Amino acid sequence: MRHIALLIMLLATSCAERWTRPGVSEAQADAANAQCGHQAAMAVPPAMIRRLAAPARVERHRDCRRDGYREYCTVTERFIPERWEDVDMNANARDGWRRQCMVSQGFAFQGYRPLRVE
């Protein structure tokens, strides 16, 4: 499971960036970025923690109807449990490592490009 999360994270962080270096094709730059991402993943492993994303709460719904001049209301309550999420505390450090790897190879970050589905 840890490897799948790492793979998804690498794909999400590296596939939309555009790196350039004179004399290097876009495919070669993408391959270098993937290699730097792999090195960064080995150097800065994930440090997962669980954190509270949303506290528990009670939702109340009031449904009213009229019968002549009288109003009848019913209130229903629904308990929503807290929601937790897993967060990688090393994601920023790993991304910095990858970017530094690309810069050290002479690449310059040129922004983001639209994701392509092939």
Protein backbone atom coordinates (compact mmCIF):
# COMPACT_ATOMS: atom_id res chain seq x y z
CA MET A 1 0.00 0.00 0.00
CA ARG A 2 2.87 2.35 0.81
CA HIS A 3 4.40 1.84 -2.64
CA ILE A 4 1.10 2.60 -4.36
CA ALA A 5 0.70 5.84 -2.43
CA LEU A 6 4.28 6.79 -3.30
CA LEU A 7 3.73 6.02 -6.98
CA ILE A 8 0.55 8.09 -7.09
CA MET A 9 2.30 10.95 -5.34
CA LEU A 10 5.21 10.85 -7.79
CA LEU A 11 2.90 10.82 -10.79
CA ALA A 12 0.82 13.67 -9.43
CA THR A 13 3.82 15.88 -8.64
CA SER A 14 6.00 15.30 -11.68
CA CYS A 15 3.86 14.85 -14.77
CA ALA A 16 2.57 18.41 -15.15
CA GLU A 17 5.84 20.31 -14.75
CA ARG A 18 7.81 21.61 -17.70
CA TRP A 19 11.61 21.55 -17.40
CA THR A 20 13.91 22.67 -20.21
CA ARG A 21 17.60 22.53 -21.03
CA PRO A 22 19.17 23.47 -24.36
CA GLY A 23 19.52 20.46 -26.64
CA VAL A 24 17.22 18.21 -24.59
CA SER A 25 13.81 17.05 -25.78
CA GLU A 26 10.69 17.19 -23.65
CA ALA A 27 10.69 13.39 -23.34
CA GLN A 28 14.30 13.41 -22.08
CA ALA A 29 13.44 16.16 -19.57
CA ASP A 30 10.46 14.12 -18.36
CA ALA A 31 12.71 11.07 -17.96
CA ALA A 32 15.25 13.11 -15.97
CA ASN A 33 12.42 14.47 -13.81
CA ALA A 34 11.16 10.94 -13.15
CA GLN A 35 14.69 9.81 -12.26
CA CYS A 36 15.12 12.74 -9.87
CA GLY A 37 11.72 11.92 -8.36
CA HIS A 38 12.85 8.35 -7.77
CA GLN A 39 16.09 9.52 -6.14
CA ALA A 40 14.13 11.95 -3.96
CA ALA A 41 11.77 9.16 -2.90
CA MET A 42 14.73 7.05 -1.83
CA ALA A 43 16.47 9.93 -0.03
CA VAL A 44 13.40 11.36 1.73
CA PRO A 45 10.98 8.53 2.56
CA PRO A 46 7.35 9.24 3.40
CA ALA A 47 6.55 10.17 7.00
CA MET A 48 2.82 9.56 7.22
CA ILE A 49 0.71 10.89 10.07
CA ARG A 50 -3.05 10.82 10.64
CA ARG A 51 -4.72 14.12 11.26
CA LEU A 52 -8.26 15.17 11.94
CA ALA A 53 -9.76 16.54 8.71
CA ALA A 54 -13.26 17.27 10.04
CA PRO A 55 -14.57 16.96 13.60
CA ALA A 56 -17.67 14.98 14.52
CA ARG A 57 -20.89 16.90 14.31
CA VAL A 58 -24.67 16.59 14.44
CA GLU A 59 -26.66 17.86 11.48
CA ARG A 60 -30.18 18.98 12.21
CA HIS A 61 -32.93 19.22 9.63
CA ARG A 62 -36.21 20.96 10.41
CA ASP A 63 -39.21 20.00 8.30
CA CYS A 64 -42.35 22.08 8.83
CA ARG A 65 -45.84 21.88 7.36
CA ARG A 66 -48.96 23.94 7.85
CA ASP A 67 -52.40 22.65 8.71
CA GLY A 68 -54.69 25.61 8.59
CA TYR A 69 -53.27 28.15 11.01
CA ARG A 70 -51.10 25.66 12.86
CA GLU A 71 -47.57 24.75 11.97
CA TYR A 72 -46.20 21.30 12.73
CA CYS A 73 -42.47 20.80 12.69
CA THR A 74 -40.29 17.76 13.06
CA VAL A 75 -36.58 17.94 13.67
CA THR A 76 -34.35 15.06 12.62
CA GLU A 77 -30.76 14.74 13.69
CA ARG A 78 -27.98 12.84 11.98
CA PHE A 79 -24.61 12.13 13.57
CA ILE A 80 -21.63 12.61 11.25
CA PRO A 81 -18.46 10.98 12.66
CA GLU A 82 -15.07 12.67 12.49
CA ARG A 83 -13.05 12.23 9.32
CA TRP A 84 -9.33 11.51 9.42
CA GLU A 85 -6.76 11.82 6.63
CA ASP A 86 -3.22 10.56 6.09
CA VAL A 87 -0.67 13.30 5.43
CA ASP A 88 2.93 12.88 4.30
CA MET A 89 5.02 15.27 6.40
CA ASN A 90 8.02 14.85 4.05
CA ALA A 91 6.22 15.76 0.81
CA ASN A 92 7.66 19.29 0.65
CA ALA A 93 11.19 18.15 1.49
CA ARG A 94 10.97 15.41 -1.17
CA ASP A 95 9.73 17.89 -3.78
CA GLY A 96 12.58 20.26 -2.90
CA TRP A 97 15.07 17.42 -3.29
CA ARG A 98 13.67 16.57 -6.73
CA ARG A 99 13.73 20.19 -7.88
CA GLN A 100 17.31 20.63 -6.68
CA CYS A 101 18.28 17.46 -8.57
CA MET A 102 16.82 18.91 -11.79
CA VAL A 103 18.56 22.27 -11.30
CA SER A 104 21.88 20.53 -10.62
CA GLN A 105 21.56 18.81 -14.02
CA GLY A 106 21.16 22.17 -15.73
CA PHE A 107 17.38 22.18 -16.18
CA ALA A 108 15.28 25.30 -15.71
CA PHE A 109 11.68 25.16 -14.49
CA GLN A 110 9.36 26.70 -17.10
CA GLY A 111 6.01 26.34 -15.35
CA TYR A 112 3.22 23.82 -15.75
CA ARG A 113 1.70 22.26 -18.83
CA PRO A 114 -1.72 20.67 -19.18
CA LEU A 115 -1.84 17.00 -18.26
CA ARG A 116 -1.93 14.70 -21.27
CA VAL A 117 -3.70 11.38 -21.20
CA GLU A 118 -2.06 8.98 -23.60
